[in-house]
Protein backbone atom coordinates (compact mmCIF):
# COMPACT_ATOMS: atom_id res chain seq x y z
CA MET A 1 161.91 71.87 85.07
CA ILE A 2 159.65 70.02 87.49
CA VAL A 3 159.55 71.09 91.13
CA SER A 4 157.78 69.84 94.23
CA GLY A 5 158.42 70.42 97.89
CA THR A 6 157.19 71.35 101.32
CA THR A 7 157.36 74.40 103.54
CA PRO A 8 155.91 74.99 106.99
CA PRO A 9 152.32 76.30 106.99
CA GLU A 10 153.40 79.33 109.04
CA VAL A 11 156.61 81.33 108.68
CA CYS A 12 157.89 83.51 111.53
CA MET A 13 159.26 87.02 110.93
CA PRO A 14 162.11 87.26 111.66
CA GLY A 15 163.32 83.71 111.50
CA LYS A 16 164.33 80.84 109.29
CA MET A 17 162.06 78.81 107.05
CA ASP A 18 162.93 75.16 106.45
CA MET A 19 162.11 73.84 102.99
CA ASP A 20 162.38 70.47 101.29
CA VAL A 21 162.59 70.71 97.49
CA GLN A 22 162.69 67.98 94.89
CA THR A 23 163.39 69.02 91.32
CA THR A 24 164.07 67.51 87.93
CA ILE A 25 165.88 69.87 85.58
CA LYS A 26 165.42 68.69 81.99
CA ASN A 27 167.99 71.08 80.42
CA ASP A 28 170.84 73.10 81.88
CA LEU A 29 169.43 76.37 83.19
CA PRO A 30 170.87 79.76 82.17
CA ALA A 31 173.91 81.14 83.99
CA ASP A 32 171.98 84.38 84.52
CA LEU A 33 168.99 82.60 86.10
CA THR A 34 166.42 85.09 87.40
CA MET A 35 163.22 84.57 89.36
CA MET A 36 160.34 87.03 89.12
CA MET A 37 158.26 86.78 92.26
CA ASP A 38 154.61 87.80 91.87
CA LEU A 39 153.34 88.07 95.44
CA THR A 40 149.70 88.52 96.48
CA LYS A 41 148.51 89.02 100.07
CA LEU A 42 145.26 87.06 100.36
CA ASP A 43 143.67 88.60 103.44
CA PRO A 44 141.63 90.58 104.29
CA PHE A 45 141.25 90.71 100.45
CA PRO A 46 143.61 89.88 97.56
CA LEU A 47 146.22 92.63 97.17
CA HIS A 48 149.25 92.65 94.86
CA VAL A 49 152.42 93.29 96.91
CA PRO A 50 154.68 95.79 95.12
CA CYS A 51 158.47 95.59 95.13
CA LEU A 52 159.90 97.73 97.94
CA ASN A 53 163.65 97.61 98.61
CA GLY A 54 163.96 94.11 97.13
CA VAL A 55 160.99 92.67 99.09
CA GLY A 56 157.66 91.78 97.45
CA SER A 57 156.93 91.29 93.75
CA CYS A 58 160.52 91.69 92.56
CA PRO A 59 162.92 90.05 90.15
CA MET A 60 165.80 88.28 91.91
CA ALA A 61 169.09 87.03 90.51
CA LEU A 62 169.16 83.42 91.76
CA CYS A 63 172.85 82.58 91.32
CA PRO A 64 174.08 84.90 94.11
CA ILE A 65 171.32 83.55 96.37
CA ILE A 66 172.36 79.96 95.63
CA GLU A 67 176.02 80.75 96.31
CA ALA A 68 175.12 82.45 99.63
CA THR A 69 172.99 79.53 100.90
CA PRO A 70 175.32 76.79 102.19
CA SER A 71 172.46 74.52 103.29
CA LEU A 72 171.28 74.50 99.67
CA CYS A 73 174.67 73.73 98.15
CA ASP A 74 175.40 71.03 100.75
CA ASN A 75 172.61 68.97 99.21
CA PHE A 76 173.59 69.44 95.55
CA PRO A 77 174.38 66.21 93.71
CA PRO A 78 177.98 65.40 92.77
CA GLY A 79 179.03 67.38 89.72
CA GLN A 80 176.72 70.34 90.40
CA PRO A 81 178.79 73.35 91.46
CA CYS A 82 177.43 75.74 94.09
CA GLY A 83 176.13 78.26 91.60
CA CYS A 84 174.98 78.55 88.03
CA PRO A 85 174.36 77.15 85.62
CA LEU A 86 172.18 74.57 87.33
CA LEU A 87 172.80 71.40 85.36
CA ALA A 88 170.22 68.97 84.01
CA GLY A 89 169.39 66.19 86.47
CA ASP A 90 167.56 65.42 89.68
CA MET A 91 168.04 67.27 92.97
CA ASP A 92 166.60 66.34 96.35
CA LEU A 93 167.26 69.28 98.63
CA ALA A 94 166.19 68.53 102.20
CA GLY A 95 166.33 70.96 105.10
CA VAL A 96 167.21 74.08 103.11
CA GLN A 97 167.03 77.10 105.41
CA VAL A 98 165.89 80.45 104.06
CA ASP A 99 166.30 83.61 106.15
CA VAL A 100 163.09 85.56 106.74
CA PRO A 101 163.98 89.20 107.45
CA ASP A 102 162.85 91.32 110.36
CA MET A 103 160.37 93.77 108.88
CA GLY A 104 160.18 95.87 112.04
CA GLU A 105 157.22 96.23 114.36
CA LEU A 106 154.97 98.28 112.05
CA MET A 107 155.78 96.54 108.74
CA GLY A 108 155.76 93.14 110.48
CA ALA A 109 152.18 93.75 111.59
CA VAL A 110 151.20 94.90 108.08
CA MET A 111 152.98 91.94 106.41
CA SER A 112 151.43 89.29 108.70
CA GLY A 113 148.88 87.20 106.83
CA SER A 114 148.36 84.60 104.10
CA TYR A 115 150.09 84.86 100.72
CA GLU A 116 150.25 83.30 97.29
CA ALA A 117 153.53 83.51 95.41
CA ILE A 118 154.03 82.68 91.74
CA MET A 119 157.70 82.51 90.82
CA THR A 120 158.67 82.57 87.14
CA LEU A 121 162.21 81.50 86.20
CA TYR A 122 164.07 82.77 83.12
CA GLY A 123 167.50 83.95 82.02
CA GLU A 124 167.98 87.69 82.49
CA SER A 125 169.35 87.90 78.94
CA ALA A 126 166.26 86.14 77.50
CA PRO A 127 163.26 86.97 79.75
CA GLU A 128 160.81 85.80 77.10
CA LYS A 129 162.10 82.19 77.45
CA ILE A 130 160.44 80.85 80.63
CA VAL A 131 162.33 77.84 82.04
CA GLY A 132 160.18 77.16 85.09
CA CYS A 133 157.30 78.30 87.25
CA VAL A 134 156.53 77.58 90.91
CA LYS A 135 153.35 78.41 92.84
CA MET A 136 153.16 78.29 96.63
CA THR A 137 151.04 79.56 99.51
CA PHE A 138 152.25 80.45 102.99
CA THR A 139 151.39 82.50 106.07
CA LEU A 140 153.70 85.11 107.61
CA ASN A 141 153.42 85.76 111.33
CA SER A 142 155.24 88.49 113.25
CA HIS A 143 154.02 87.14 116.63
CA CYS A 144 155.75 83.76 116.86
């Protein structure tokens, strides 16, 4: 799988983040597609962000997320159902909106800052078989 795309340099909490994603999937992806997010806050010093209530460095089942994101499915090519498995082929997904949750006043202030995320994709039933990896950087801001 080959992925490229763009996101805004700053993401507001709470809010929506617009993303453009271009991907080439070389083989059909597993029906139980999972993404492990490894999140590091970069400032004031690098700090691994643990998984707390599904936020942070957590595994996420991607199929339910895909099915719950109409702006993603609206851009799927003909023949690709809104869900898994994601079929081999090219996808150009423009203007996908991702909800950024309200972390509350205290957690919002703590979470504000620059991040690096490494997302590893695999099937939940075969986690040793990595099917893709994405690296991105972004800044969260609770004072937008």
